Amino acid sequence: MAYVVTEQCIRCKHMDCVEVCPVDCFYEGENMLVINPDECIDCGVCEPECPVDAIEAENENNVKWLEINKKYAETWPNVTINRGAMPDAEKYAGEEGKFEKYFSEAPGEGT
């Protein structure tokens, strides 16, 4: 089982998680991060680092997010350096329905 990034990351993109990941399995989109579930070693060190609780262990309730993480990890660039959160992250923290409103398929910068 892997960890997955969920909707709460969208428009926040805190990057504290990427600097603690021992296998560099985070990939960067324009406004969120994803985890490559095939690279994740299920260590869990990233989960407590996320200030908006956007990282969860894979389970039956987040299958949609597992699929999204897998899909975009294949096309977005790998990211290993914490460049900080998006400038207006606090404004979007905790908002519901962010996927439908804000999700972007565009890749991020990566490292």
C-alpha atoms as a PDB file:
ATOM      1  CA  MET A   1       0.000   0.000   0.000  1.00  0.00           C
ATOM      2  CA  ALA A   2       1.147   3.520  -0.748  1.00  0.00           C
ATOM      3  CA  TYR A   3       0.389   7.015   0.419  1.00  0.00           C
ATOM      4  CA  VAL A   4      -1.623   9.357  -1.769  1.00  0.00           C
ATOM      5  CA  VAL A   5      -2.031  13.103  -2.066  1.00  0.00           C
ATOM      6  CA  THR A   6      -5.660  14.216  -1.913  1.00  0.00           C
ATOM      7  CA  GLU A   7      -7.750  17.256  -2.797  1.00  0.00           C
ATOM      8  CA  GLN A   8      -6.530  19.365   0.120  1.00  0.00           C
ATOM      9  CA  CYS A   9      -3.199  19.846  -1.668  1.00  0.00           C
ATOM     10  CA  ILE A  10      -4.821  21.703  -4.572  1.00  0.00           C
ATOM     11  CA  ARG A  11      -3.996  25.447  -4.542  1.00  0.00           C
ATOM     12  CA  CYS A  12      -1.890  24.936  -1.392  1.00  0.00           C
ATOM     13  CA  LYS A  13       1.016  22.742  -2.572  1.00  0.00           C
ATOM     14  CA  HIS A  14       3.023  22.850   0.647  1.00  0.00           C
ATOM     15  CA  MET A  15       6.263  21.079  -0.141  1.00  0.00           C
ATOM     16  CA  ASP A  16       7.428  20.008   3.308  1.00  0.00           C
ATOM     17  CA  CYS A  17       6.688  16.422   2.289  1.00  0.00           C
ATOM     18  CA  VAL A  18       9.121  16.320  -0.628  1.00  0.00           C
ATOM     19  CA  GLU A  19      12.191  17.039   1.462  1.00  0.00           C
ATOM     20  CA  VAL A  20      11.539  14.148   3.880  1.00  0.00           C
ATOM     21  CA  CYS A  21      10.719  11.506   1.257  1.00  0.00           C
ATOM     22  CA  PRO A  22      13.561   8.952   1.217  1.00  0.00           C
ATOM     23  CA  VAL A  23      12.723   7.711  -2.305  1.00  0.00           C
ATOM     24  CA  ASP A  24      11.838  10.997  -4.059  1.00  0.00           C
ATOM     25  CA  CYS A  25       8.417   9.782  -5.199  1.00  0.00           C
ATOM     26  CA  PHE A  26       6.689  13.198  -5.374  1.00  0.00           C
ATOM     27  CA  TYR A  27       5.729  14.739  -8.695  1.00  0.00           C
ATOM     28  CA  GLU A  28       4.669  18.330  -9.257  1.00  0.00           C
ATOM     29  CA  GLY A  29       1.692  19.717 -11.071  1.00  0.00           C
ATOM     30  CA  GLU A  30       0.890  23.372 -11.547  1.00  0.00           C
ATOM     31  CA  ASN A  31      -1.142  23.550  -8.342  1.00  0.00           C
ATOM     32  CA  MET A  32      -0.689  20.264  -6.452  1.00  0.00           C
ATOM     33  CA  LEU A  33       1.682  17.389  -5.824  1.00  0.00           C
ATOM     34  CA  VAL A  34       1.137  13.652  -6.334  1.00  0.00           C
ATOM     35  CA  ILE A  35       2.922  10.533  -5.116  1.00  0.00           C
ATOM     36  CA  ASN A  36       3.934   7.772  -7.500  1.00  0.00           C
ATOM     37  CA  PRO A  37       2.359   4.751  -5.775  1.00  0.00           C
ATOM     38  CA  ASP A  38       4.755   2.378  -7.541  1.00  0.00           C
ATOM     39  CA  GLU A  39       7.739   4.200  -6.015  1.00  0.00           C
ATOM     40  CA  CYS A  40       6.268   4.881  -2.557  1.00  0.00           C
ATOM     41  CA  ILE A  41       7.719   2.549   0.089  1.00  0.00           C
ATOM     42  CA  ASP A  42       4.852   3.169   2.539  1.00  0.00           C
ATOM     43  CA  CYS A  43       7.143   4.644   5.192  1.00  0.00           C
ATOM     44  CA  GLY A  44       4.669   7.379   6.135  1.00  0.00           C
ATOM     45  CA  VAL A  45       7.203  10.112   6.919  1.00  0.00           C
ATOM     46  CA  CYS A  46       5.469  12.512   4.532  1.00  0.00           C
ATOM     47  CA  GLU A  47       2.018  12.329   6.129  1.00  0.00           C
ATOM     48  CA  PRO A  48       2.719  14.308   9.340  1.00  0.00           C
ATOM     49  CA  GLU A  49       4.683  16.934   7.391  1.00  0.00           C
ATOM     50  CA  CYS A  50       1.619  18.161   5.486  1.00  0.00           C
ATOM     51  CA  PRO A  51       0.078  21.140   7.297  1.00  0.00           C
ATOM     52  CA  VAL A  52      -3.276  20.710   5.483  1.00  0.00           C
ATOM     53  CA  ASP A  53      -3.587  16.919   5.963  1.00  0.00           C
ATOM     54  CA  ALA A  54      -3.569  16.245   2.229  1.00  0.00           C
ATOM     55  CA  ILE A  55      -1.587  12.991   2.476  1.00  0.00           C
ATOM     56  CA  GLU A  56      -3.302   9.742   3.443  1.00  0.00           C
ATOM     57  CA  ALA A  57      -2.469   6.055   3.447  1.00  0.00           C
ATOM     58  CA  GLU A  58      -4.099   4.289   0.516  1.00  0.00           C
ATOM     59  CA  ASN A  59      -7.507   2.907   1.503  1.00  0.00           C
ATOM     60  CA  GLU A  60     -10.912   2.043   0.060  1.00  0.00           C
ATOM     61  CA  ASN A  61     -12.119   5.642   0.529  1.00  0.00           C
ATOM     62  CA  ASN A  62      -9.418   7.292  -1.577  1.00  0.00           C
ATOM     63  CA  VAL A  63      -9.230   5.026  -4.636  1.00  0.00           C
ATOM     64  CA  LYS A  64     -10.051   8.040  -6.840  1.00  0.00           C
ATOM     65  CA  TRP A  65      -6.973   9.813  -5.471  1.00  0.00           C
ATOM     66  CA  LEU A  66      -4.770   6.760  -5.908  1.00  0.00           C
ATOM     67  CA  GLU A  67      -5.713   6.739  -9.605  1.00  0.00           C
ATOM     68  CA  ILE A  68      -5.083  10.492  -9.937  1.00  0.00           C
ATOM     69  CA  ASN A  69      -1.699  10.182  -8.215  1.00  0.00           C
ATOM     70  CA  LYS A  70      -0.679   7.288 -10.461  1.00  0.00           C
ATOM     71  CA  LYS A  71      -1.825   9.018 -13.663  1.00  0.00           C
ATOM     72  CA  TYR A  72      -0.089  12.343 -13.086  1.00  0.00           C
ATOM     73  CA  ALA A  73       3.077  10.857 -11.580  1.00  0.00           C
ATOM     74  CA  GLU A  74       3.662   9.429 -15.050  1.00  0.00           C
ATOM     75  CA  THR A  75       3.641  12.836 -16.778  1.00  0.00           C
ATOM     76  CA  TRP A  76       4.524  15.508 -14.204  1.00  0.00           C
ATOM     77  CA  PRO A  77       8.167  16.231 -13.300  1.00  0.00           C
ATOM     78  CA  ASN A  78       9.756  14.803 -10.180  1.00  0.00           C
ATOM     79  CA  VAL A  79      10.260  17.289  -7.346  1.00  0.00           C
ATOM     80  CA  THR A  80      12.757  16.914  -4.507  1.00  0.00           C
ATOM     81  CA  ILE A  81      13.297  20.471  -3.287  1.00  0.00           C
ATOM     82  CA  ASN A  82      10.950  22.341  -0.965  1.00  0.00           C
ATOM     83  CA  ARG A  83      10.230  25.690  -2.624  1.00  0.00           C
ATOM     84  CA  GLY A  84       7.497  26.551  -0.153  1.00  0.00           C
ATOM     85  CA  ALA A  85       3.733  26.660  -0.499  1.00  0.00           C
ATOM     86  CA  MET A  86       1.763  28.551  -3.111  1.00  0.00           C
ATOM     87  CA  PRO A  87       1.514  32.262  -2.253  1.00  0.00           C
ATOM     88  CA  ASP A  88      -2.193  32.142  -1.393  1.00  0.00           C
ATOM     89  CA  ALA A  89      -2.217  28.665   0.190  1.00  0.00           C
ATOM     90  CA  GLU A  90      -3.845  29.787   3.419  1.00  0.00           C
ATOM     91  CA  LYS A  91      -6.837  31.145   1.506  1.00  0.00           C
ATOM     92  CA  TYR A  92      -7.599  27.680   0.083  1.00  0.00           C
ATOM     93  CA  ALA A  93      -6.705  25.483   3.078  1.00  0.00           C
ATOM     94  CA  GLY A  94      -9.667  23.396   4.141  1.00  0.00           C
ATOM     95  CA  GLU A  95     -11.884  24.353   1.204  1.00  0.00           C
ATOM     96  CA  GLU A  96     -14.092  21.551  -0.106  1.00  0.00           C
ATOM     97  CA  GLY A  97     -14.642  20.749  -3.790  1.00  0.00           C
ATOM     98  CA  LYS A  98     -11.236  21.999  -4.919  1.00  0.00           C
ATOM     99  CA  PHE A  99     -10.768  19.293  -7.551  1.00  0.00           C
ATOM    100  CA  GLU A 100     -13.780  20.383  -9.569  1.00  0.00           C
ATOM    101  CA  LYS A 101     -13.004  24.093  -9.137  1.00  0.00           C
ATOM    102  CA  TYR A 102      -9.228  24.375  -9.435  1.00  0.00           C
ATOM    103  CA  PHE A 103      -7.427  21.190 -10.485  1.00  0.00           C
ATOM    104  CA  SER A 104      -4.951  21.699 -13.312  1.00  0.00           C
ATOM    105  CA  GLU A 105      -3.447  18.948 -15.447  1.00  0.00           C
ATOM    106  CA  ALA A 106      -0.523  21.220 -16.319  1.00  0.00           C
ATOM    107  CA  PRO A 107       2.874  20.128 -15.032  1.00  0.00           C
ATOM    108  CA  GLY A 108       4.806  22.095 -12.436  1.00  0.00           C
ATOM    109  CA  GLU A 109       8.454  23.092 -12.453  1.00  0.00           C
ATOM    110  CA  GLY A 110       9.974  19.978 -10.847  1.00  0.00           C
ATOM    111  CA  THR A 111      13.592  19.985  -9.774  1.00  0.00           C
END
